[in-house]
Amino acid sequence: MATKKPSHPTLPTVTPHAPDGGDAVVLERRAQKIEPPQMYQVAMLNDDFTPMEFVVMVIQEFFSKDREAATQIMLKIHLDGKGVCGVYSRDVAATKVDQVLDAAKQAGHPLQCVSEPIE
């Protein structure tokens, strides 16, 4: 039985490049300006049922405020209907809102907390 000799694949033909005539375009790399992330404010809303002391405790625990600062924020919530507890990136703000809502639910209070983008 005769075997065929394997044939070698043909290589594509390559045309030689002409020497650079100086008309090539080189792009300069520009530094990209990276914007800081969108920030969100976490605010609590006033209601007539949640005790003020509970609101102060929540602000101290989840927003790391001292008693005086927490009391000032609580009074702003009580008098203005809404008070900002802190400013964070989107994910951190969402986590803070969830923590506050979970604590309020476990304590049986209707306290509401929202995060809003800062313009």
N, C-alpha and C. Protein backbone atom coordinates (compact mmCIF):
# COMPACT_ATOMS: atom_id res chain seq x y z
N MET A 1 0.83 -1.17 0.00
CA MET A 1 0.00 0.00 0.00
C MET A 1 0.88 1.24 0.00
N ALA A 2 0.59 2.08 -0.88
CA ALA A 2 1.42 3.27 -1.04
C ALA A 2 0.81 4.40 -0.23
N THR A 3 1.65 5.10 0.47
CA THR A 3 1.16 6.25 1.23
C THR A 3 1.60 7.51 0.53
N LYS A 4 0.73 8.50 0.63
CA LYS A 4 1.04 9.78 0.02
C LYS A 4 1.94 10.57 0.93
N LYS A 5 2.81 11.26 0.34
CA LYS A 5 3.68 12.13 1.11
C LYS A 5 2.85 13.34 1.54
N PRO A 6 2.90 13.71 2.85
CA PRO A 6 2.09 14.86 3.27
C PRO A 6 2.55 16.13 2.59
N SER A 7 1.57 16.91 2.17
CA SER A 7 1.90 18.17 1.51
C SER A 7 1.98 19.28 2.55
N HIS A 8 2.86 20.18 2.31
CA HIS A 8 3.02 21.30 3.23
C HIS A 8 2.02 22.38 2.87
N PRO A 9 1.42 23.02 3.90
CA PRO A 9 0.45 24.08 3.58
C PRO A 9 1.17 25.26 2.95
N THR A 10 0.47 25.91 2.07
CA THR A 10 1.08 27.06 1.42
C THR A 10 0.94 28.27 2.32
N LEU A 11 1.98 29.04 2.38
CA LEU A 11 1.97 30.23 3.22
C LEU A 11 1.45 31.40 2.42
N PRO A 12 0.70 32.33 3.08
CA PRO A 12 0.22 33.49 2.35
C PRO A 12 1.39 34.38 1.96
N THR A 13 1.21 35.01 0.85
CA THR A 13 2.28 35.89 0.38
C THR A 13 2.20 37.21 1.14
N VAL A 14 3.33 37.72 1.52
CA VAL A 14 3.42 38.95 2.28
C VAL A 14 4.09 39.99 1.41
N THR A 15 3.40 41.13 1.27
CA THR A 15 4.01 42.19 0.49
C THR A 15 4.88 43.01 1.43
N PRO A 16 6.05 43.35 1.00
CA PRO A 16 6.93 44.13 1.89
C PRO A 16 6.37 45.53 2.07
N HIS A 17 6.51 46.05 3.29
CA HIS A 17 6.04 47.39 3.61
C HIS A 17 7.01 48.42 3.06
N ALA A 18 6.43 49.50 2.61
CA ALA A 18 7.28 50.58 2.14
C ALA A 18 7.86 51.28 3.35
N PRO A 19 9.06 51.84 3.24
CA PRO A 19 9.63 52.54 4.38
C PRO A 19 8.73 53.71 4.78
N ASP A 20 8.72 54.00 6.07
CA ASP A 20 7.86 55.05 6.60
C ASP A 20 8.22 56.39 5.97
N GLY A 21 7.23 56.99 5.33
CA GLY A 21 7.46 58.25 4.67
C GLY A 21 7.16 59.43 5.56
N GLY A 22 6.87 59.19 6.84
CA GLY A 22 6.61 60.29 7.77
C GLY A 22 5.16 60.75 7.77
N ASP A 23 4.30 60.06 7.05
CA ASP A 23 2.91 60.48 7.03
C ASP A 23 2.03 59.64 7.95
N ALA A 24 2.62 58.90 8.87
CA ALA A 24 1.87 58.10 9.83
C ALA A 24 1.33 59.01 10.94
N VAL A 25 0.16 58.66 11.46
CA VAL A 25 -0.47 59.45 12.51
C VAL A 25 -0.29 58.74 13.85
N VAL A 26 0.19 59.47 14.83
CA VAL A 26 0.38 58.92 16.17
C VAL A 26 -0.58 59.65 17.10
N LEU A 27 -1.40 58.90 17.79
CA LEU A 27 -2.33 59.50 18.74
C LEU A 27 -1.69 59.58 20.11
N GLU A 28 -1.90 60.70 20.76
CA GLU A 28 -1.39 60.86 22.12
C GLU A 28 -2.42 60.34 23.11
N ARG A 29 -1.93 59.71 24.12
CA ARG A 29 -2.82 59.21 25.16
C ARG A 29 -3.17 60.36 26.10
N ARG A 30 -4.45 60.56 26.30
CA ARG A 30 -4.90 61.60 27.22
C ARG A 30 -5.32 60.96 28.53
N ALA A 31 -5.00 61.65 29.60
CA ALA A 31 -5.42 61.14 30.91
C ALA A 31 -6.93 61.27 31.03
N GLN A 32 -7.57 60.21 31.44
CA GLN A 32 -9.03 60.23 31.60
C GLN A 32 -9.37 60.90 32.91
N LYS A 33 -10.37 61.74 32.84
CA LYS A 33 -10.84 62.38 34.06
C LYS A 33 -11.94 61.50 34.65
N ILE A 34 -11.67 60.98 35.82
CA ILE A 34 -12.63 60.11 36.49
C ILE A 34 -13.40 60.95 37.48
N GLU A 35 -14.72 60.92 37.32
CA GLU A 35 -15.56 61.69 38.22
C GLU A 35 -15.79 60.90 39.51
N PRO A 36 -15.93 61.60 40.63
CA PRO A 36 -16.25 60.89 41.87
C PRO A 36 -17.64 60.28 41.77
N PRO A 37 -17.91 59.25 42.55
CA PRO A 37 -19.22 58.60 42.47
C PRO A 37 -20.34 59.53 42.93
N GLN A 38 -21.52 59.28 42.42
CA GLN A 38 -22.71 60.03 42.84
C GLN A 38 -22.93 59.76 44.33
N MET A 39 -23.14 60.82 45.10
CA MET A 39 -23.34 60.67 46.53
C MET A 39 -24.84 60.74 46.85
N TYR A 40 -25.21 60.06 47.92
CA TYR A 40 -26.61 59.98 48.35
C TYR A 40 -26.71 60.39 49.81
N GLN A 41 -27.75 61.15 50.12
CA GLN A 41 -27.99 61.51 51.51
C GLN A 41 -29.04 60.56 52.08
N VAL A 42 -28.80 60.12 53.29
CA VAL A 42 -29.74 59.25 53.99
C VAL A 42 -30.54 60.14 54.93
N ALA A 43 -31.85 60.12 54.76
CA ALA A 43 -32.73 60.97 55.56
C ALA A 43 -33.80 60.13 56.24
N MET A 44 -34.16 60.55 57.44
CA MET A 44 -35.27 59.93 58.16
C MET A 44 -36.46 60.86 58.08
N LEU A 45 -37.64 60.25 58.03
CA LEU A 45 -38.87 61.01 57.93
C LEU A 45 -39.62 60.99 59.26
N ASN A 46 -40.28 62.09 59.57
CA ASN A 46 -41.01 62.21 60.82
C ASN A 46 -42.31 61.40 60.77
N ASP A 47 -42.67 60.85 61.90
CA ASP A 47 -44.00 60.25 62.07
C ASP A 47 -44.42 60.55 63.50
N ASP A 48 -45.68 60.36 63.79
CA ASP A 48 -46.22 60.69 65.12
C ASP A 48 -46.17 59.53 66.09
N PHE A 49 -45.54 58.43 65.73
CA PHE A 49 -45.60 57.23 66.56
C PHE A 49 -44.24 56.76 67.09
N THR A 50 -43.18 56.96 66.35
CA THR A 50 -41.86 56.50 66.77
C THR A 50 -41.33 57.41 67.87
N PRO A 51 -40.94 56.83 69.02
CA PRO A 51 -40.42 57.66 70.13
C PRO A 51 -39.12 58.37 69.74
N MET A 52 -38.97 59.59 70.22
CA MET A 52 -37.78 60.38 69.92
C MET A 52 -36.52 59.69 70.41
N GLU A 53 -36.60 59.05 71.54
CA GLU A 53 -35.43 58.37 72.11
C GLU A 53 -34.96 57.23 71.20
N PHE A 54 -35.91 56.54 70.56
CA PHE A 54 -35.54 55.46 69.63
C PHE A 54 -34.82 56.05 68.42
N VAL A 55 -35.30 57.18 67.91
CA VAL A 55 -34.67 57.84 66.76
C VAL A 55 -33.24 58.25 67.10
N VAL A 56 -33.05 58.82 68.28
CA VAL A 56 -31.71 59.21 68.72
C VAL A 56 -30.80 57.99 68.79
N MET A 57 -31.31 56.90 69.34
CA MET A 57 -30.52 55.67 69.47
C MET A 57 -30.13 55.13 68.10
N VAL A 58 -31.05 55.15 67.15
CA VAL A 58 -30.77 54.65 65.79
C VAL A 58 -29.71 55.52 65.12
N ILE A 59 -29.83 56.83 65.26
CA ILE A 59 -28.84 57.74 64.66
C ILE A 59 -27.46 57.50 65.26
N GLN A 60 -27.39 57.30 66.57
CA GLN A 60 -26.11 57.04 67.22
C GLN A 60 -25.52 55.72 66.73
N GLU A 61 -26.35 54.70 66.65
CA GLU A 61 -25.86 53.37 66.33
C GLU A 61 -25.44 53.22 64.87
N PHE A 62 -26.26 53.67 63.95
CA PHE A 62 -26.01 53.42 62.54
C PHE A 62 -25.27 54.54 61.81
N PHE A 63 -25.25 55.74 62.39
CA PHE A 63 -24.60 56.85 61.73
C PHE A 63 -23.42 57.40 62.52
N SER A 64 -23.06 56.73 63.61
CA SER A 64 -21.89 57.05 64.43
C SER A 64 -21.87 58.51 64.89
N LYS A 65 -23.01 59.00 65.33
CA LYS A 65 -23.11 60.36 65.86
C LYS A 65 -23.08 60.29 67.38
N ASP A 66 -22.54 61.36 68.01
CA ASP A 66 -22.61 61.40 69.47
C ASP A 66 -24.03 61.79 69.87
N ARG A 67 -24.31 61.70 71.15
CA ARG A 67 -25.68 61.93 71.64
C ARG A 67 -26.19 63.33 71.27
N GLU A 68 -25.34 64.33 71.38
CA GLU A 68 -25.77 65.70 71.09
C GLU A 68 -26.11 65.87 69.60
N ALA A 69 -25.24 65.37 68.72
CA ALA A 69 -25.50 65.48 67.28
C ALA A 69 -26.75 64.68 66.90
N ALA A 70 -26.90 63.50 67.49
CA ALA A 70 -28.08 62.68 67.20
C ALA A 70 -29.35 63.37 67.66
N THR A 71 -29.30 64.04 68.79
CA THR A 71 -30.47 64.77 69.30
C THR A 71 -30.81 65.93 68.38
N GLN A 72 -29.81 66.64 67.88
CA GLN A 72 -30.04 67.74 66.95
C GLN A 72 -30.69 67.25 65.65
N ILE A 73 -30.22 66.14 65.14
CA ILE A 73 -30.81 65.57 63.92
C ILE A 73 -32.25 65.13 64.21
N MET A 74 -32.48 64.50 65.36
CA MET A 74 -33.83 64.06 65.72
C MET A 74 -34.77 65.26 65.80
N LEU A 75 -34.32 66.37 66.37
CA LEU A 75 -35.17 67.56 66.47
C LEU A 75 -35.47 68.14 65.08
N LYS A 76 -34.48 68.09 64.20
CA LYS A 76 -34.71 68.56 62.83
C LYS A 76 -35.76 67.68 62.15
N ILE A 77 -35.66 66.38 62.35
CA ILE A 77 -36.66 65.45 61.79
C ILE A 77 -38.04 65.79 62.34
N HIS A 78 -38.11 66.01 63.64
CA HIS A 78 -39.39 66.27 64.31
C HIS A 78 -40.00 67.60 63.85
N LEU A 79 -39.17 68.63 63.73
CA LEU A 79 -39.69 69.96 63.40
C LEU A 79 -39.89 70.19 61.90
N ASP A 80 -38.98 69.66 61.08
CA ASP A 80 -39.05 69.91 59.64
C ASP A 80 -39.68 68.77 58.85
N GLY A 81 -39.90 67.65 59.49
CA GLY A 81 -40.49 66.51 58.79
C GLY A 81 -39.49 65.58 58.17
N LYS A 82 -38.22 66.02 58.09
CA LYS A 82 -37.17 65.20 57.48
C LYS A 82 -35.83 65.73 57.95
N GLY A 83 -34.90 64.82 58.18
CA GLY A 83 -33.56 65.21 58.60
C GLY A 83 -32.51 64.31 57.99
N VAL A 84 -31.41 64.90 57.53
CA VAL A 84 -30.32 64.14 56.91
C VAL A 84 -29.41 63.60 58.00
N CYS A 85 -29.17 62.30 57.94
CA CYS A 85 -28.33 61.64 58.93
C CYS A 85 -26.90 61.44 58.45
N GLY A 86 -26.69 61.43 57.14
CA GLY A 86 -25.36 61.24 56.60
C GLY A 86 -25.37 61.24 55.08
N VAL A 87 -24.18 61.35 54.49
CA VAL A 87 -24.01 61.34 53.04
C VAL A 87 -23.01 60.24 52.70
N TYR A 88 -23.42 59.36 51.76
CA TYR A 88 -22.61 58.18 51.45
C TYR A 88 -22.70 57.87 49.96
N SER A 89 -21.87 56.92 49.52
CA SER A 89 -22.01 56.41 48.15
C SER A 89 -23.30 55.60 48.08
N ARG A 90 -23.73 55.25 46.88
CA ARG A 90 -25.04 54.61 46.70
C ARG A 90 -25.20 53.32 47.51
N ASP A 91 -24.22 52.44 47.45
CA ASP A 91 -24.34 51.15 48.13
C ASP A 91 -24.34 51.30 49.64
N VAL A 92 -23.49 52.18 50.15
CA VAL A 92 -23.44 52.39 51.60
C VAL A 92 -24.75 53.02 52.07
N ALA A 93 -25.28 53.98 51.31
CA ALA A 93 -26.54 54.62 51.67
C ALA A 93 -27.68 53.60 51.70
N ALA A 94 -27.72 52.72 50.71
CA ALA A 94 -28.76 51.69 50.67
C ALA A 94 -28.65 50.75 51.87
N THR A 95 -27.43 50.43 52.26
CA THR A 95 -27.22 49.56 53.43
C THR A 95 -27.70 50.25 54.70
N LYS A 96 -27.39 51.55 54.85
CA LYS A 96 -27.82 52.30 56.03
C LYS A 96 -29.35 52.34 56.10
N VAL A 97 -30.00 52.58 54.97
CA VAL A 97 -31.47 52.61 54.95
C VAL A 97 -32.03 51.26 55.39
N ASP A 98 -31.48 50.18 54.85
CA ASP A 98 -31.94 48.84 55.23
C ASP A 98 -31.74 48.58 56.72
N GLN A 99 -30.61 49.00 57.27
CA GLN A 99 -30.35 48.78 58.70
C GLN A 99 -31.37 49.53 59.56
N VAL A 100 -31.65 50.78 59.19
CA VAL A 100 -32.60 51.57 59.97
C VAL A 100 -34.00 50.96 59.88
N LEU A 101 -34.42 50.60 58.67
CA LEU A 101 -35.76 50.03 58.50
C LEU A 101 -35.90 48.70 59.24
N ASP A 102 -34.85 47.88 59.22
CA ASP A 102 -34.89 46.60 59.95
C ASP A 102 -34.98 46.83 61.45
N ALA A 103 -34.21 47.77 61.97
CA ALA A 103 -34.24 48.07 63.42
C ALA A 103 -35.62 48.59 63.82
N ALA A 104 -36.19 49.46 62.98
CA ALA A 104 -37.52 50.01 63.29
C ALA A 104 -38.58 48.92 63.26
N LYS A 105 -38.47 48.05 62.28
CA LYS A 105 -39.45 46.96 62.17
C LYS A 105 -39.35 46.02 63.37
N GLN A 106 -38.14 45.67 63.77
CA GLN A 106 -37.95 44.77 64.92
C GLN A 106 -38.47 45.40 66.20
N ALA A 107 -38.36 46.73 66.31
CA ALA A 107 -38.84 47.42 67.52
C ALA A 107 -40.33 47.74 67.43
N GLY A 108 -40.94 47.49 66.27
CA GLY A 108 -42.37 47.73 66.11
C GLY A 108 -42.71 49.20 65.87
N HIS A 109 -41.78 49.95 65.27
CA HIS A 109 -42.01 51.37 65.00
C HIS A 109 -42.14 51.59 63.49
N PRO A 110 -42.96 52.57 63.09
CA PRO A 110 -43.15 52.84 61.65
C PRO A 110 -42.12 53.82 61.07
N LEU A 111 -40.98 53.97 61.69
CA LEU A 111 -39.96 54.92 61.24
C LEU A 111 -39.60 54.65 59.78
N GLN A 112 -39.53 55.71 58.99
CA GLN A 112 -39.16 55.60 57.58
C GLN A 112 -37.82 56.28 57.34
N CYS A 113 -37.05 55.68 56.44
CA CYS A 113 -35.73 56.19 56.10
C CYS A 113 -35.56 56.03 54.60
N VAL A 114 -35.00 57.06 53.95
CA VAL A 114 -34.83 57.05 52.51
C VAL A 114 -33.43 57.53 52.14
N SER A 115 -32.99 57.18 50.95
CA SER A 115 -31.75 57.75 50.42
C SER A 115 -32.10 58.51 49.15
N GLU A 116 -31.48 59.68 49.00
CA GLU A 116 -31.77 60.54 47.86
C GLU A 116 -30.47 61.01 47.25
N PRO A 117 -30.39 61.02 45.93
CA PRO A 117 -29.16 61.52 45.30
C PRO A 117 -28.97 62.99 45.56
N ILE A 118 -27.73 63.39 45.74
CA ILE A 118 -27.42 64.81 45.96
C ILE A 118 -27.17 65.42 44.59
N GLU A 119 -27.81 66.49 44.30
CA GLU A 119 -27.67 67.16 43.00
C GLU A 119 -26.39 67.93 42.94
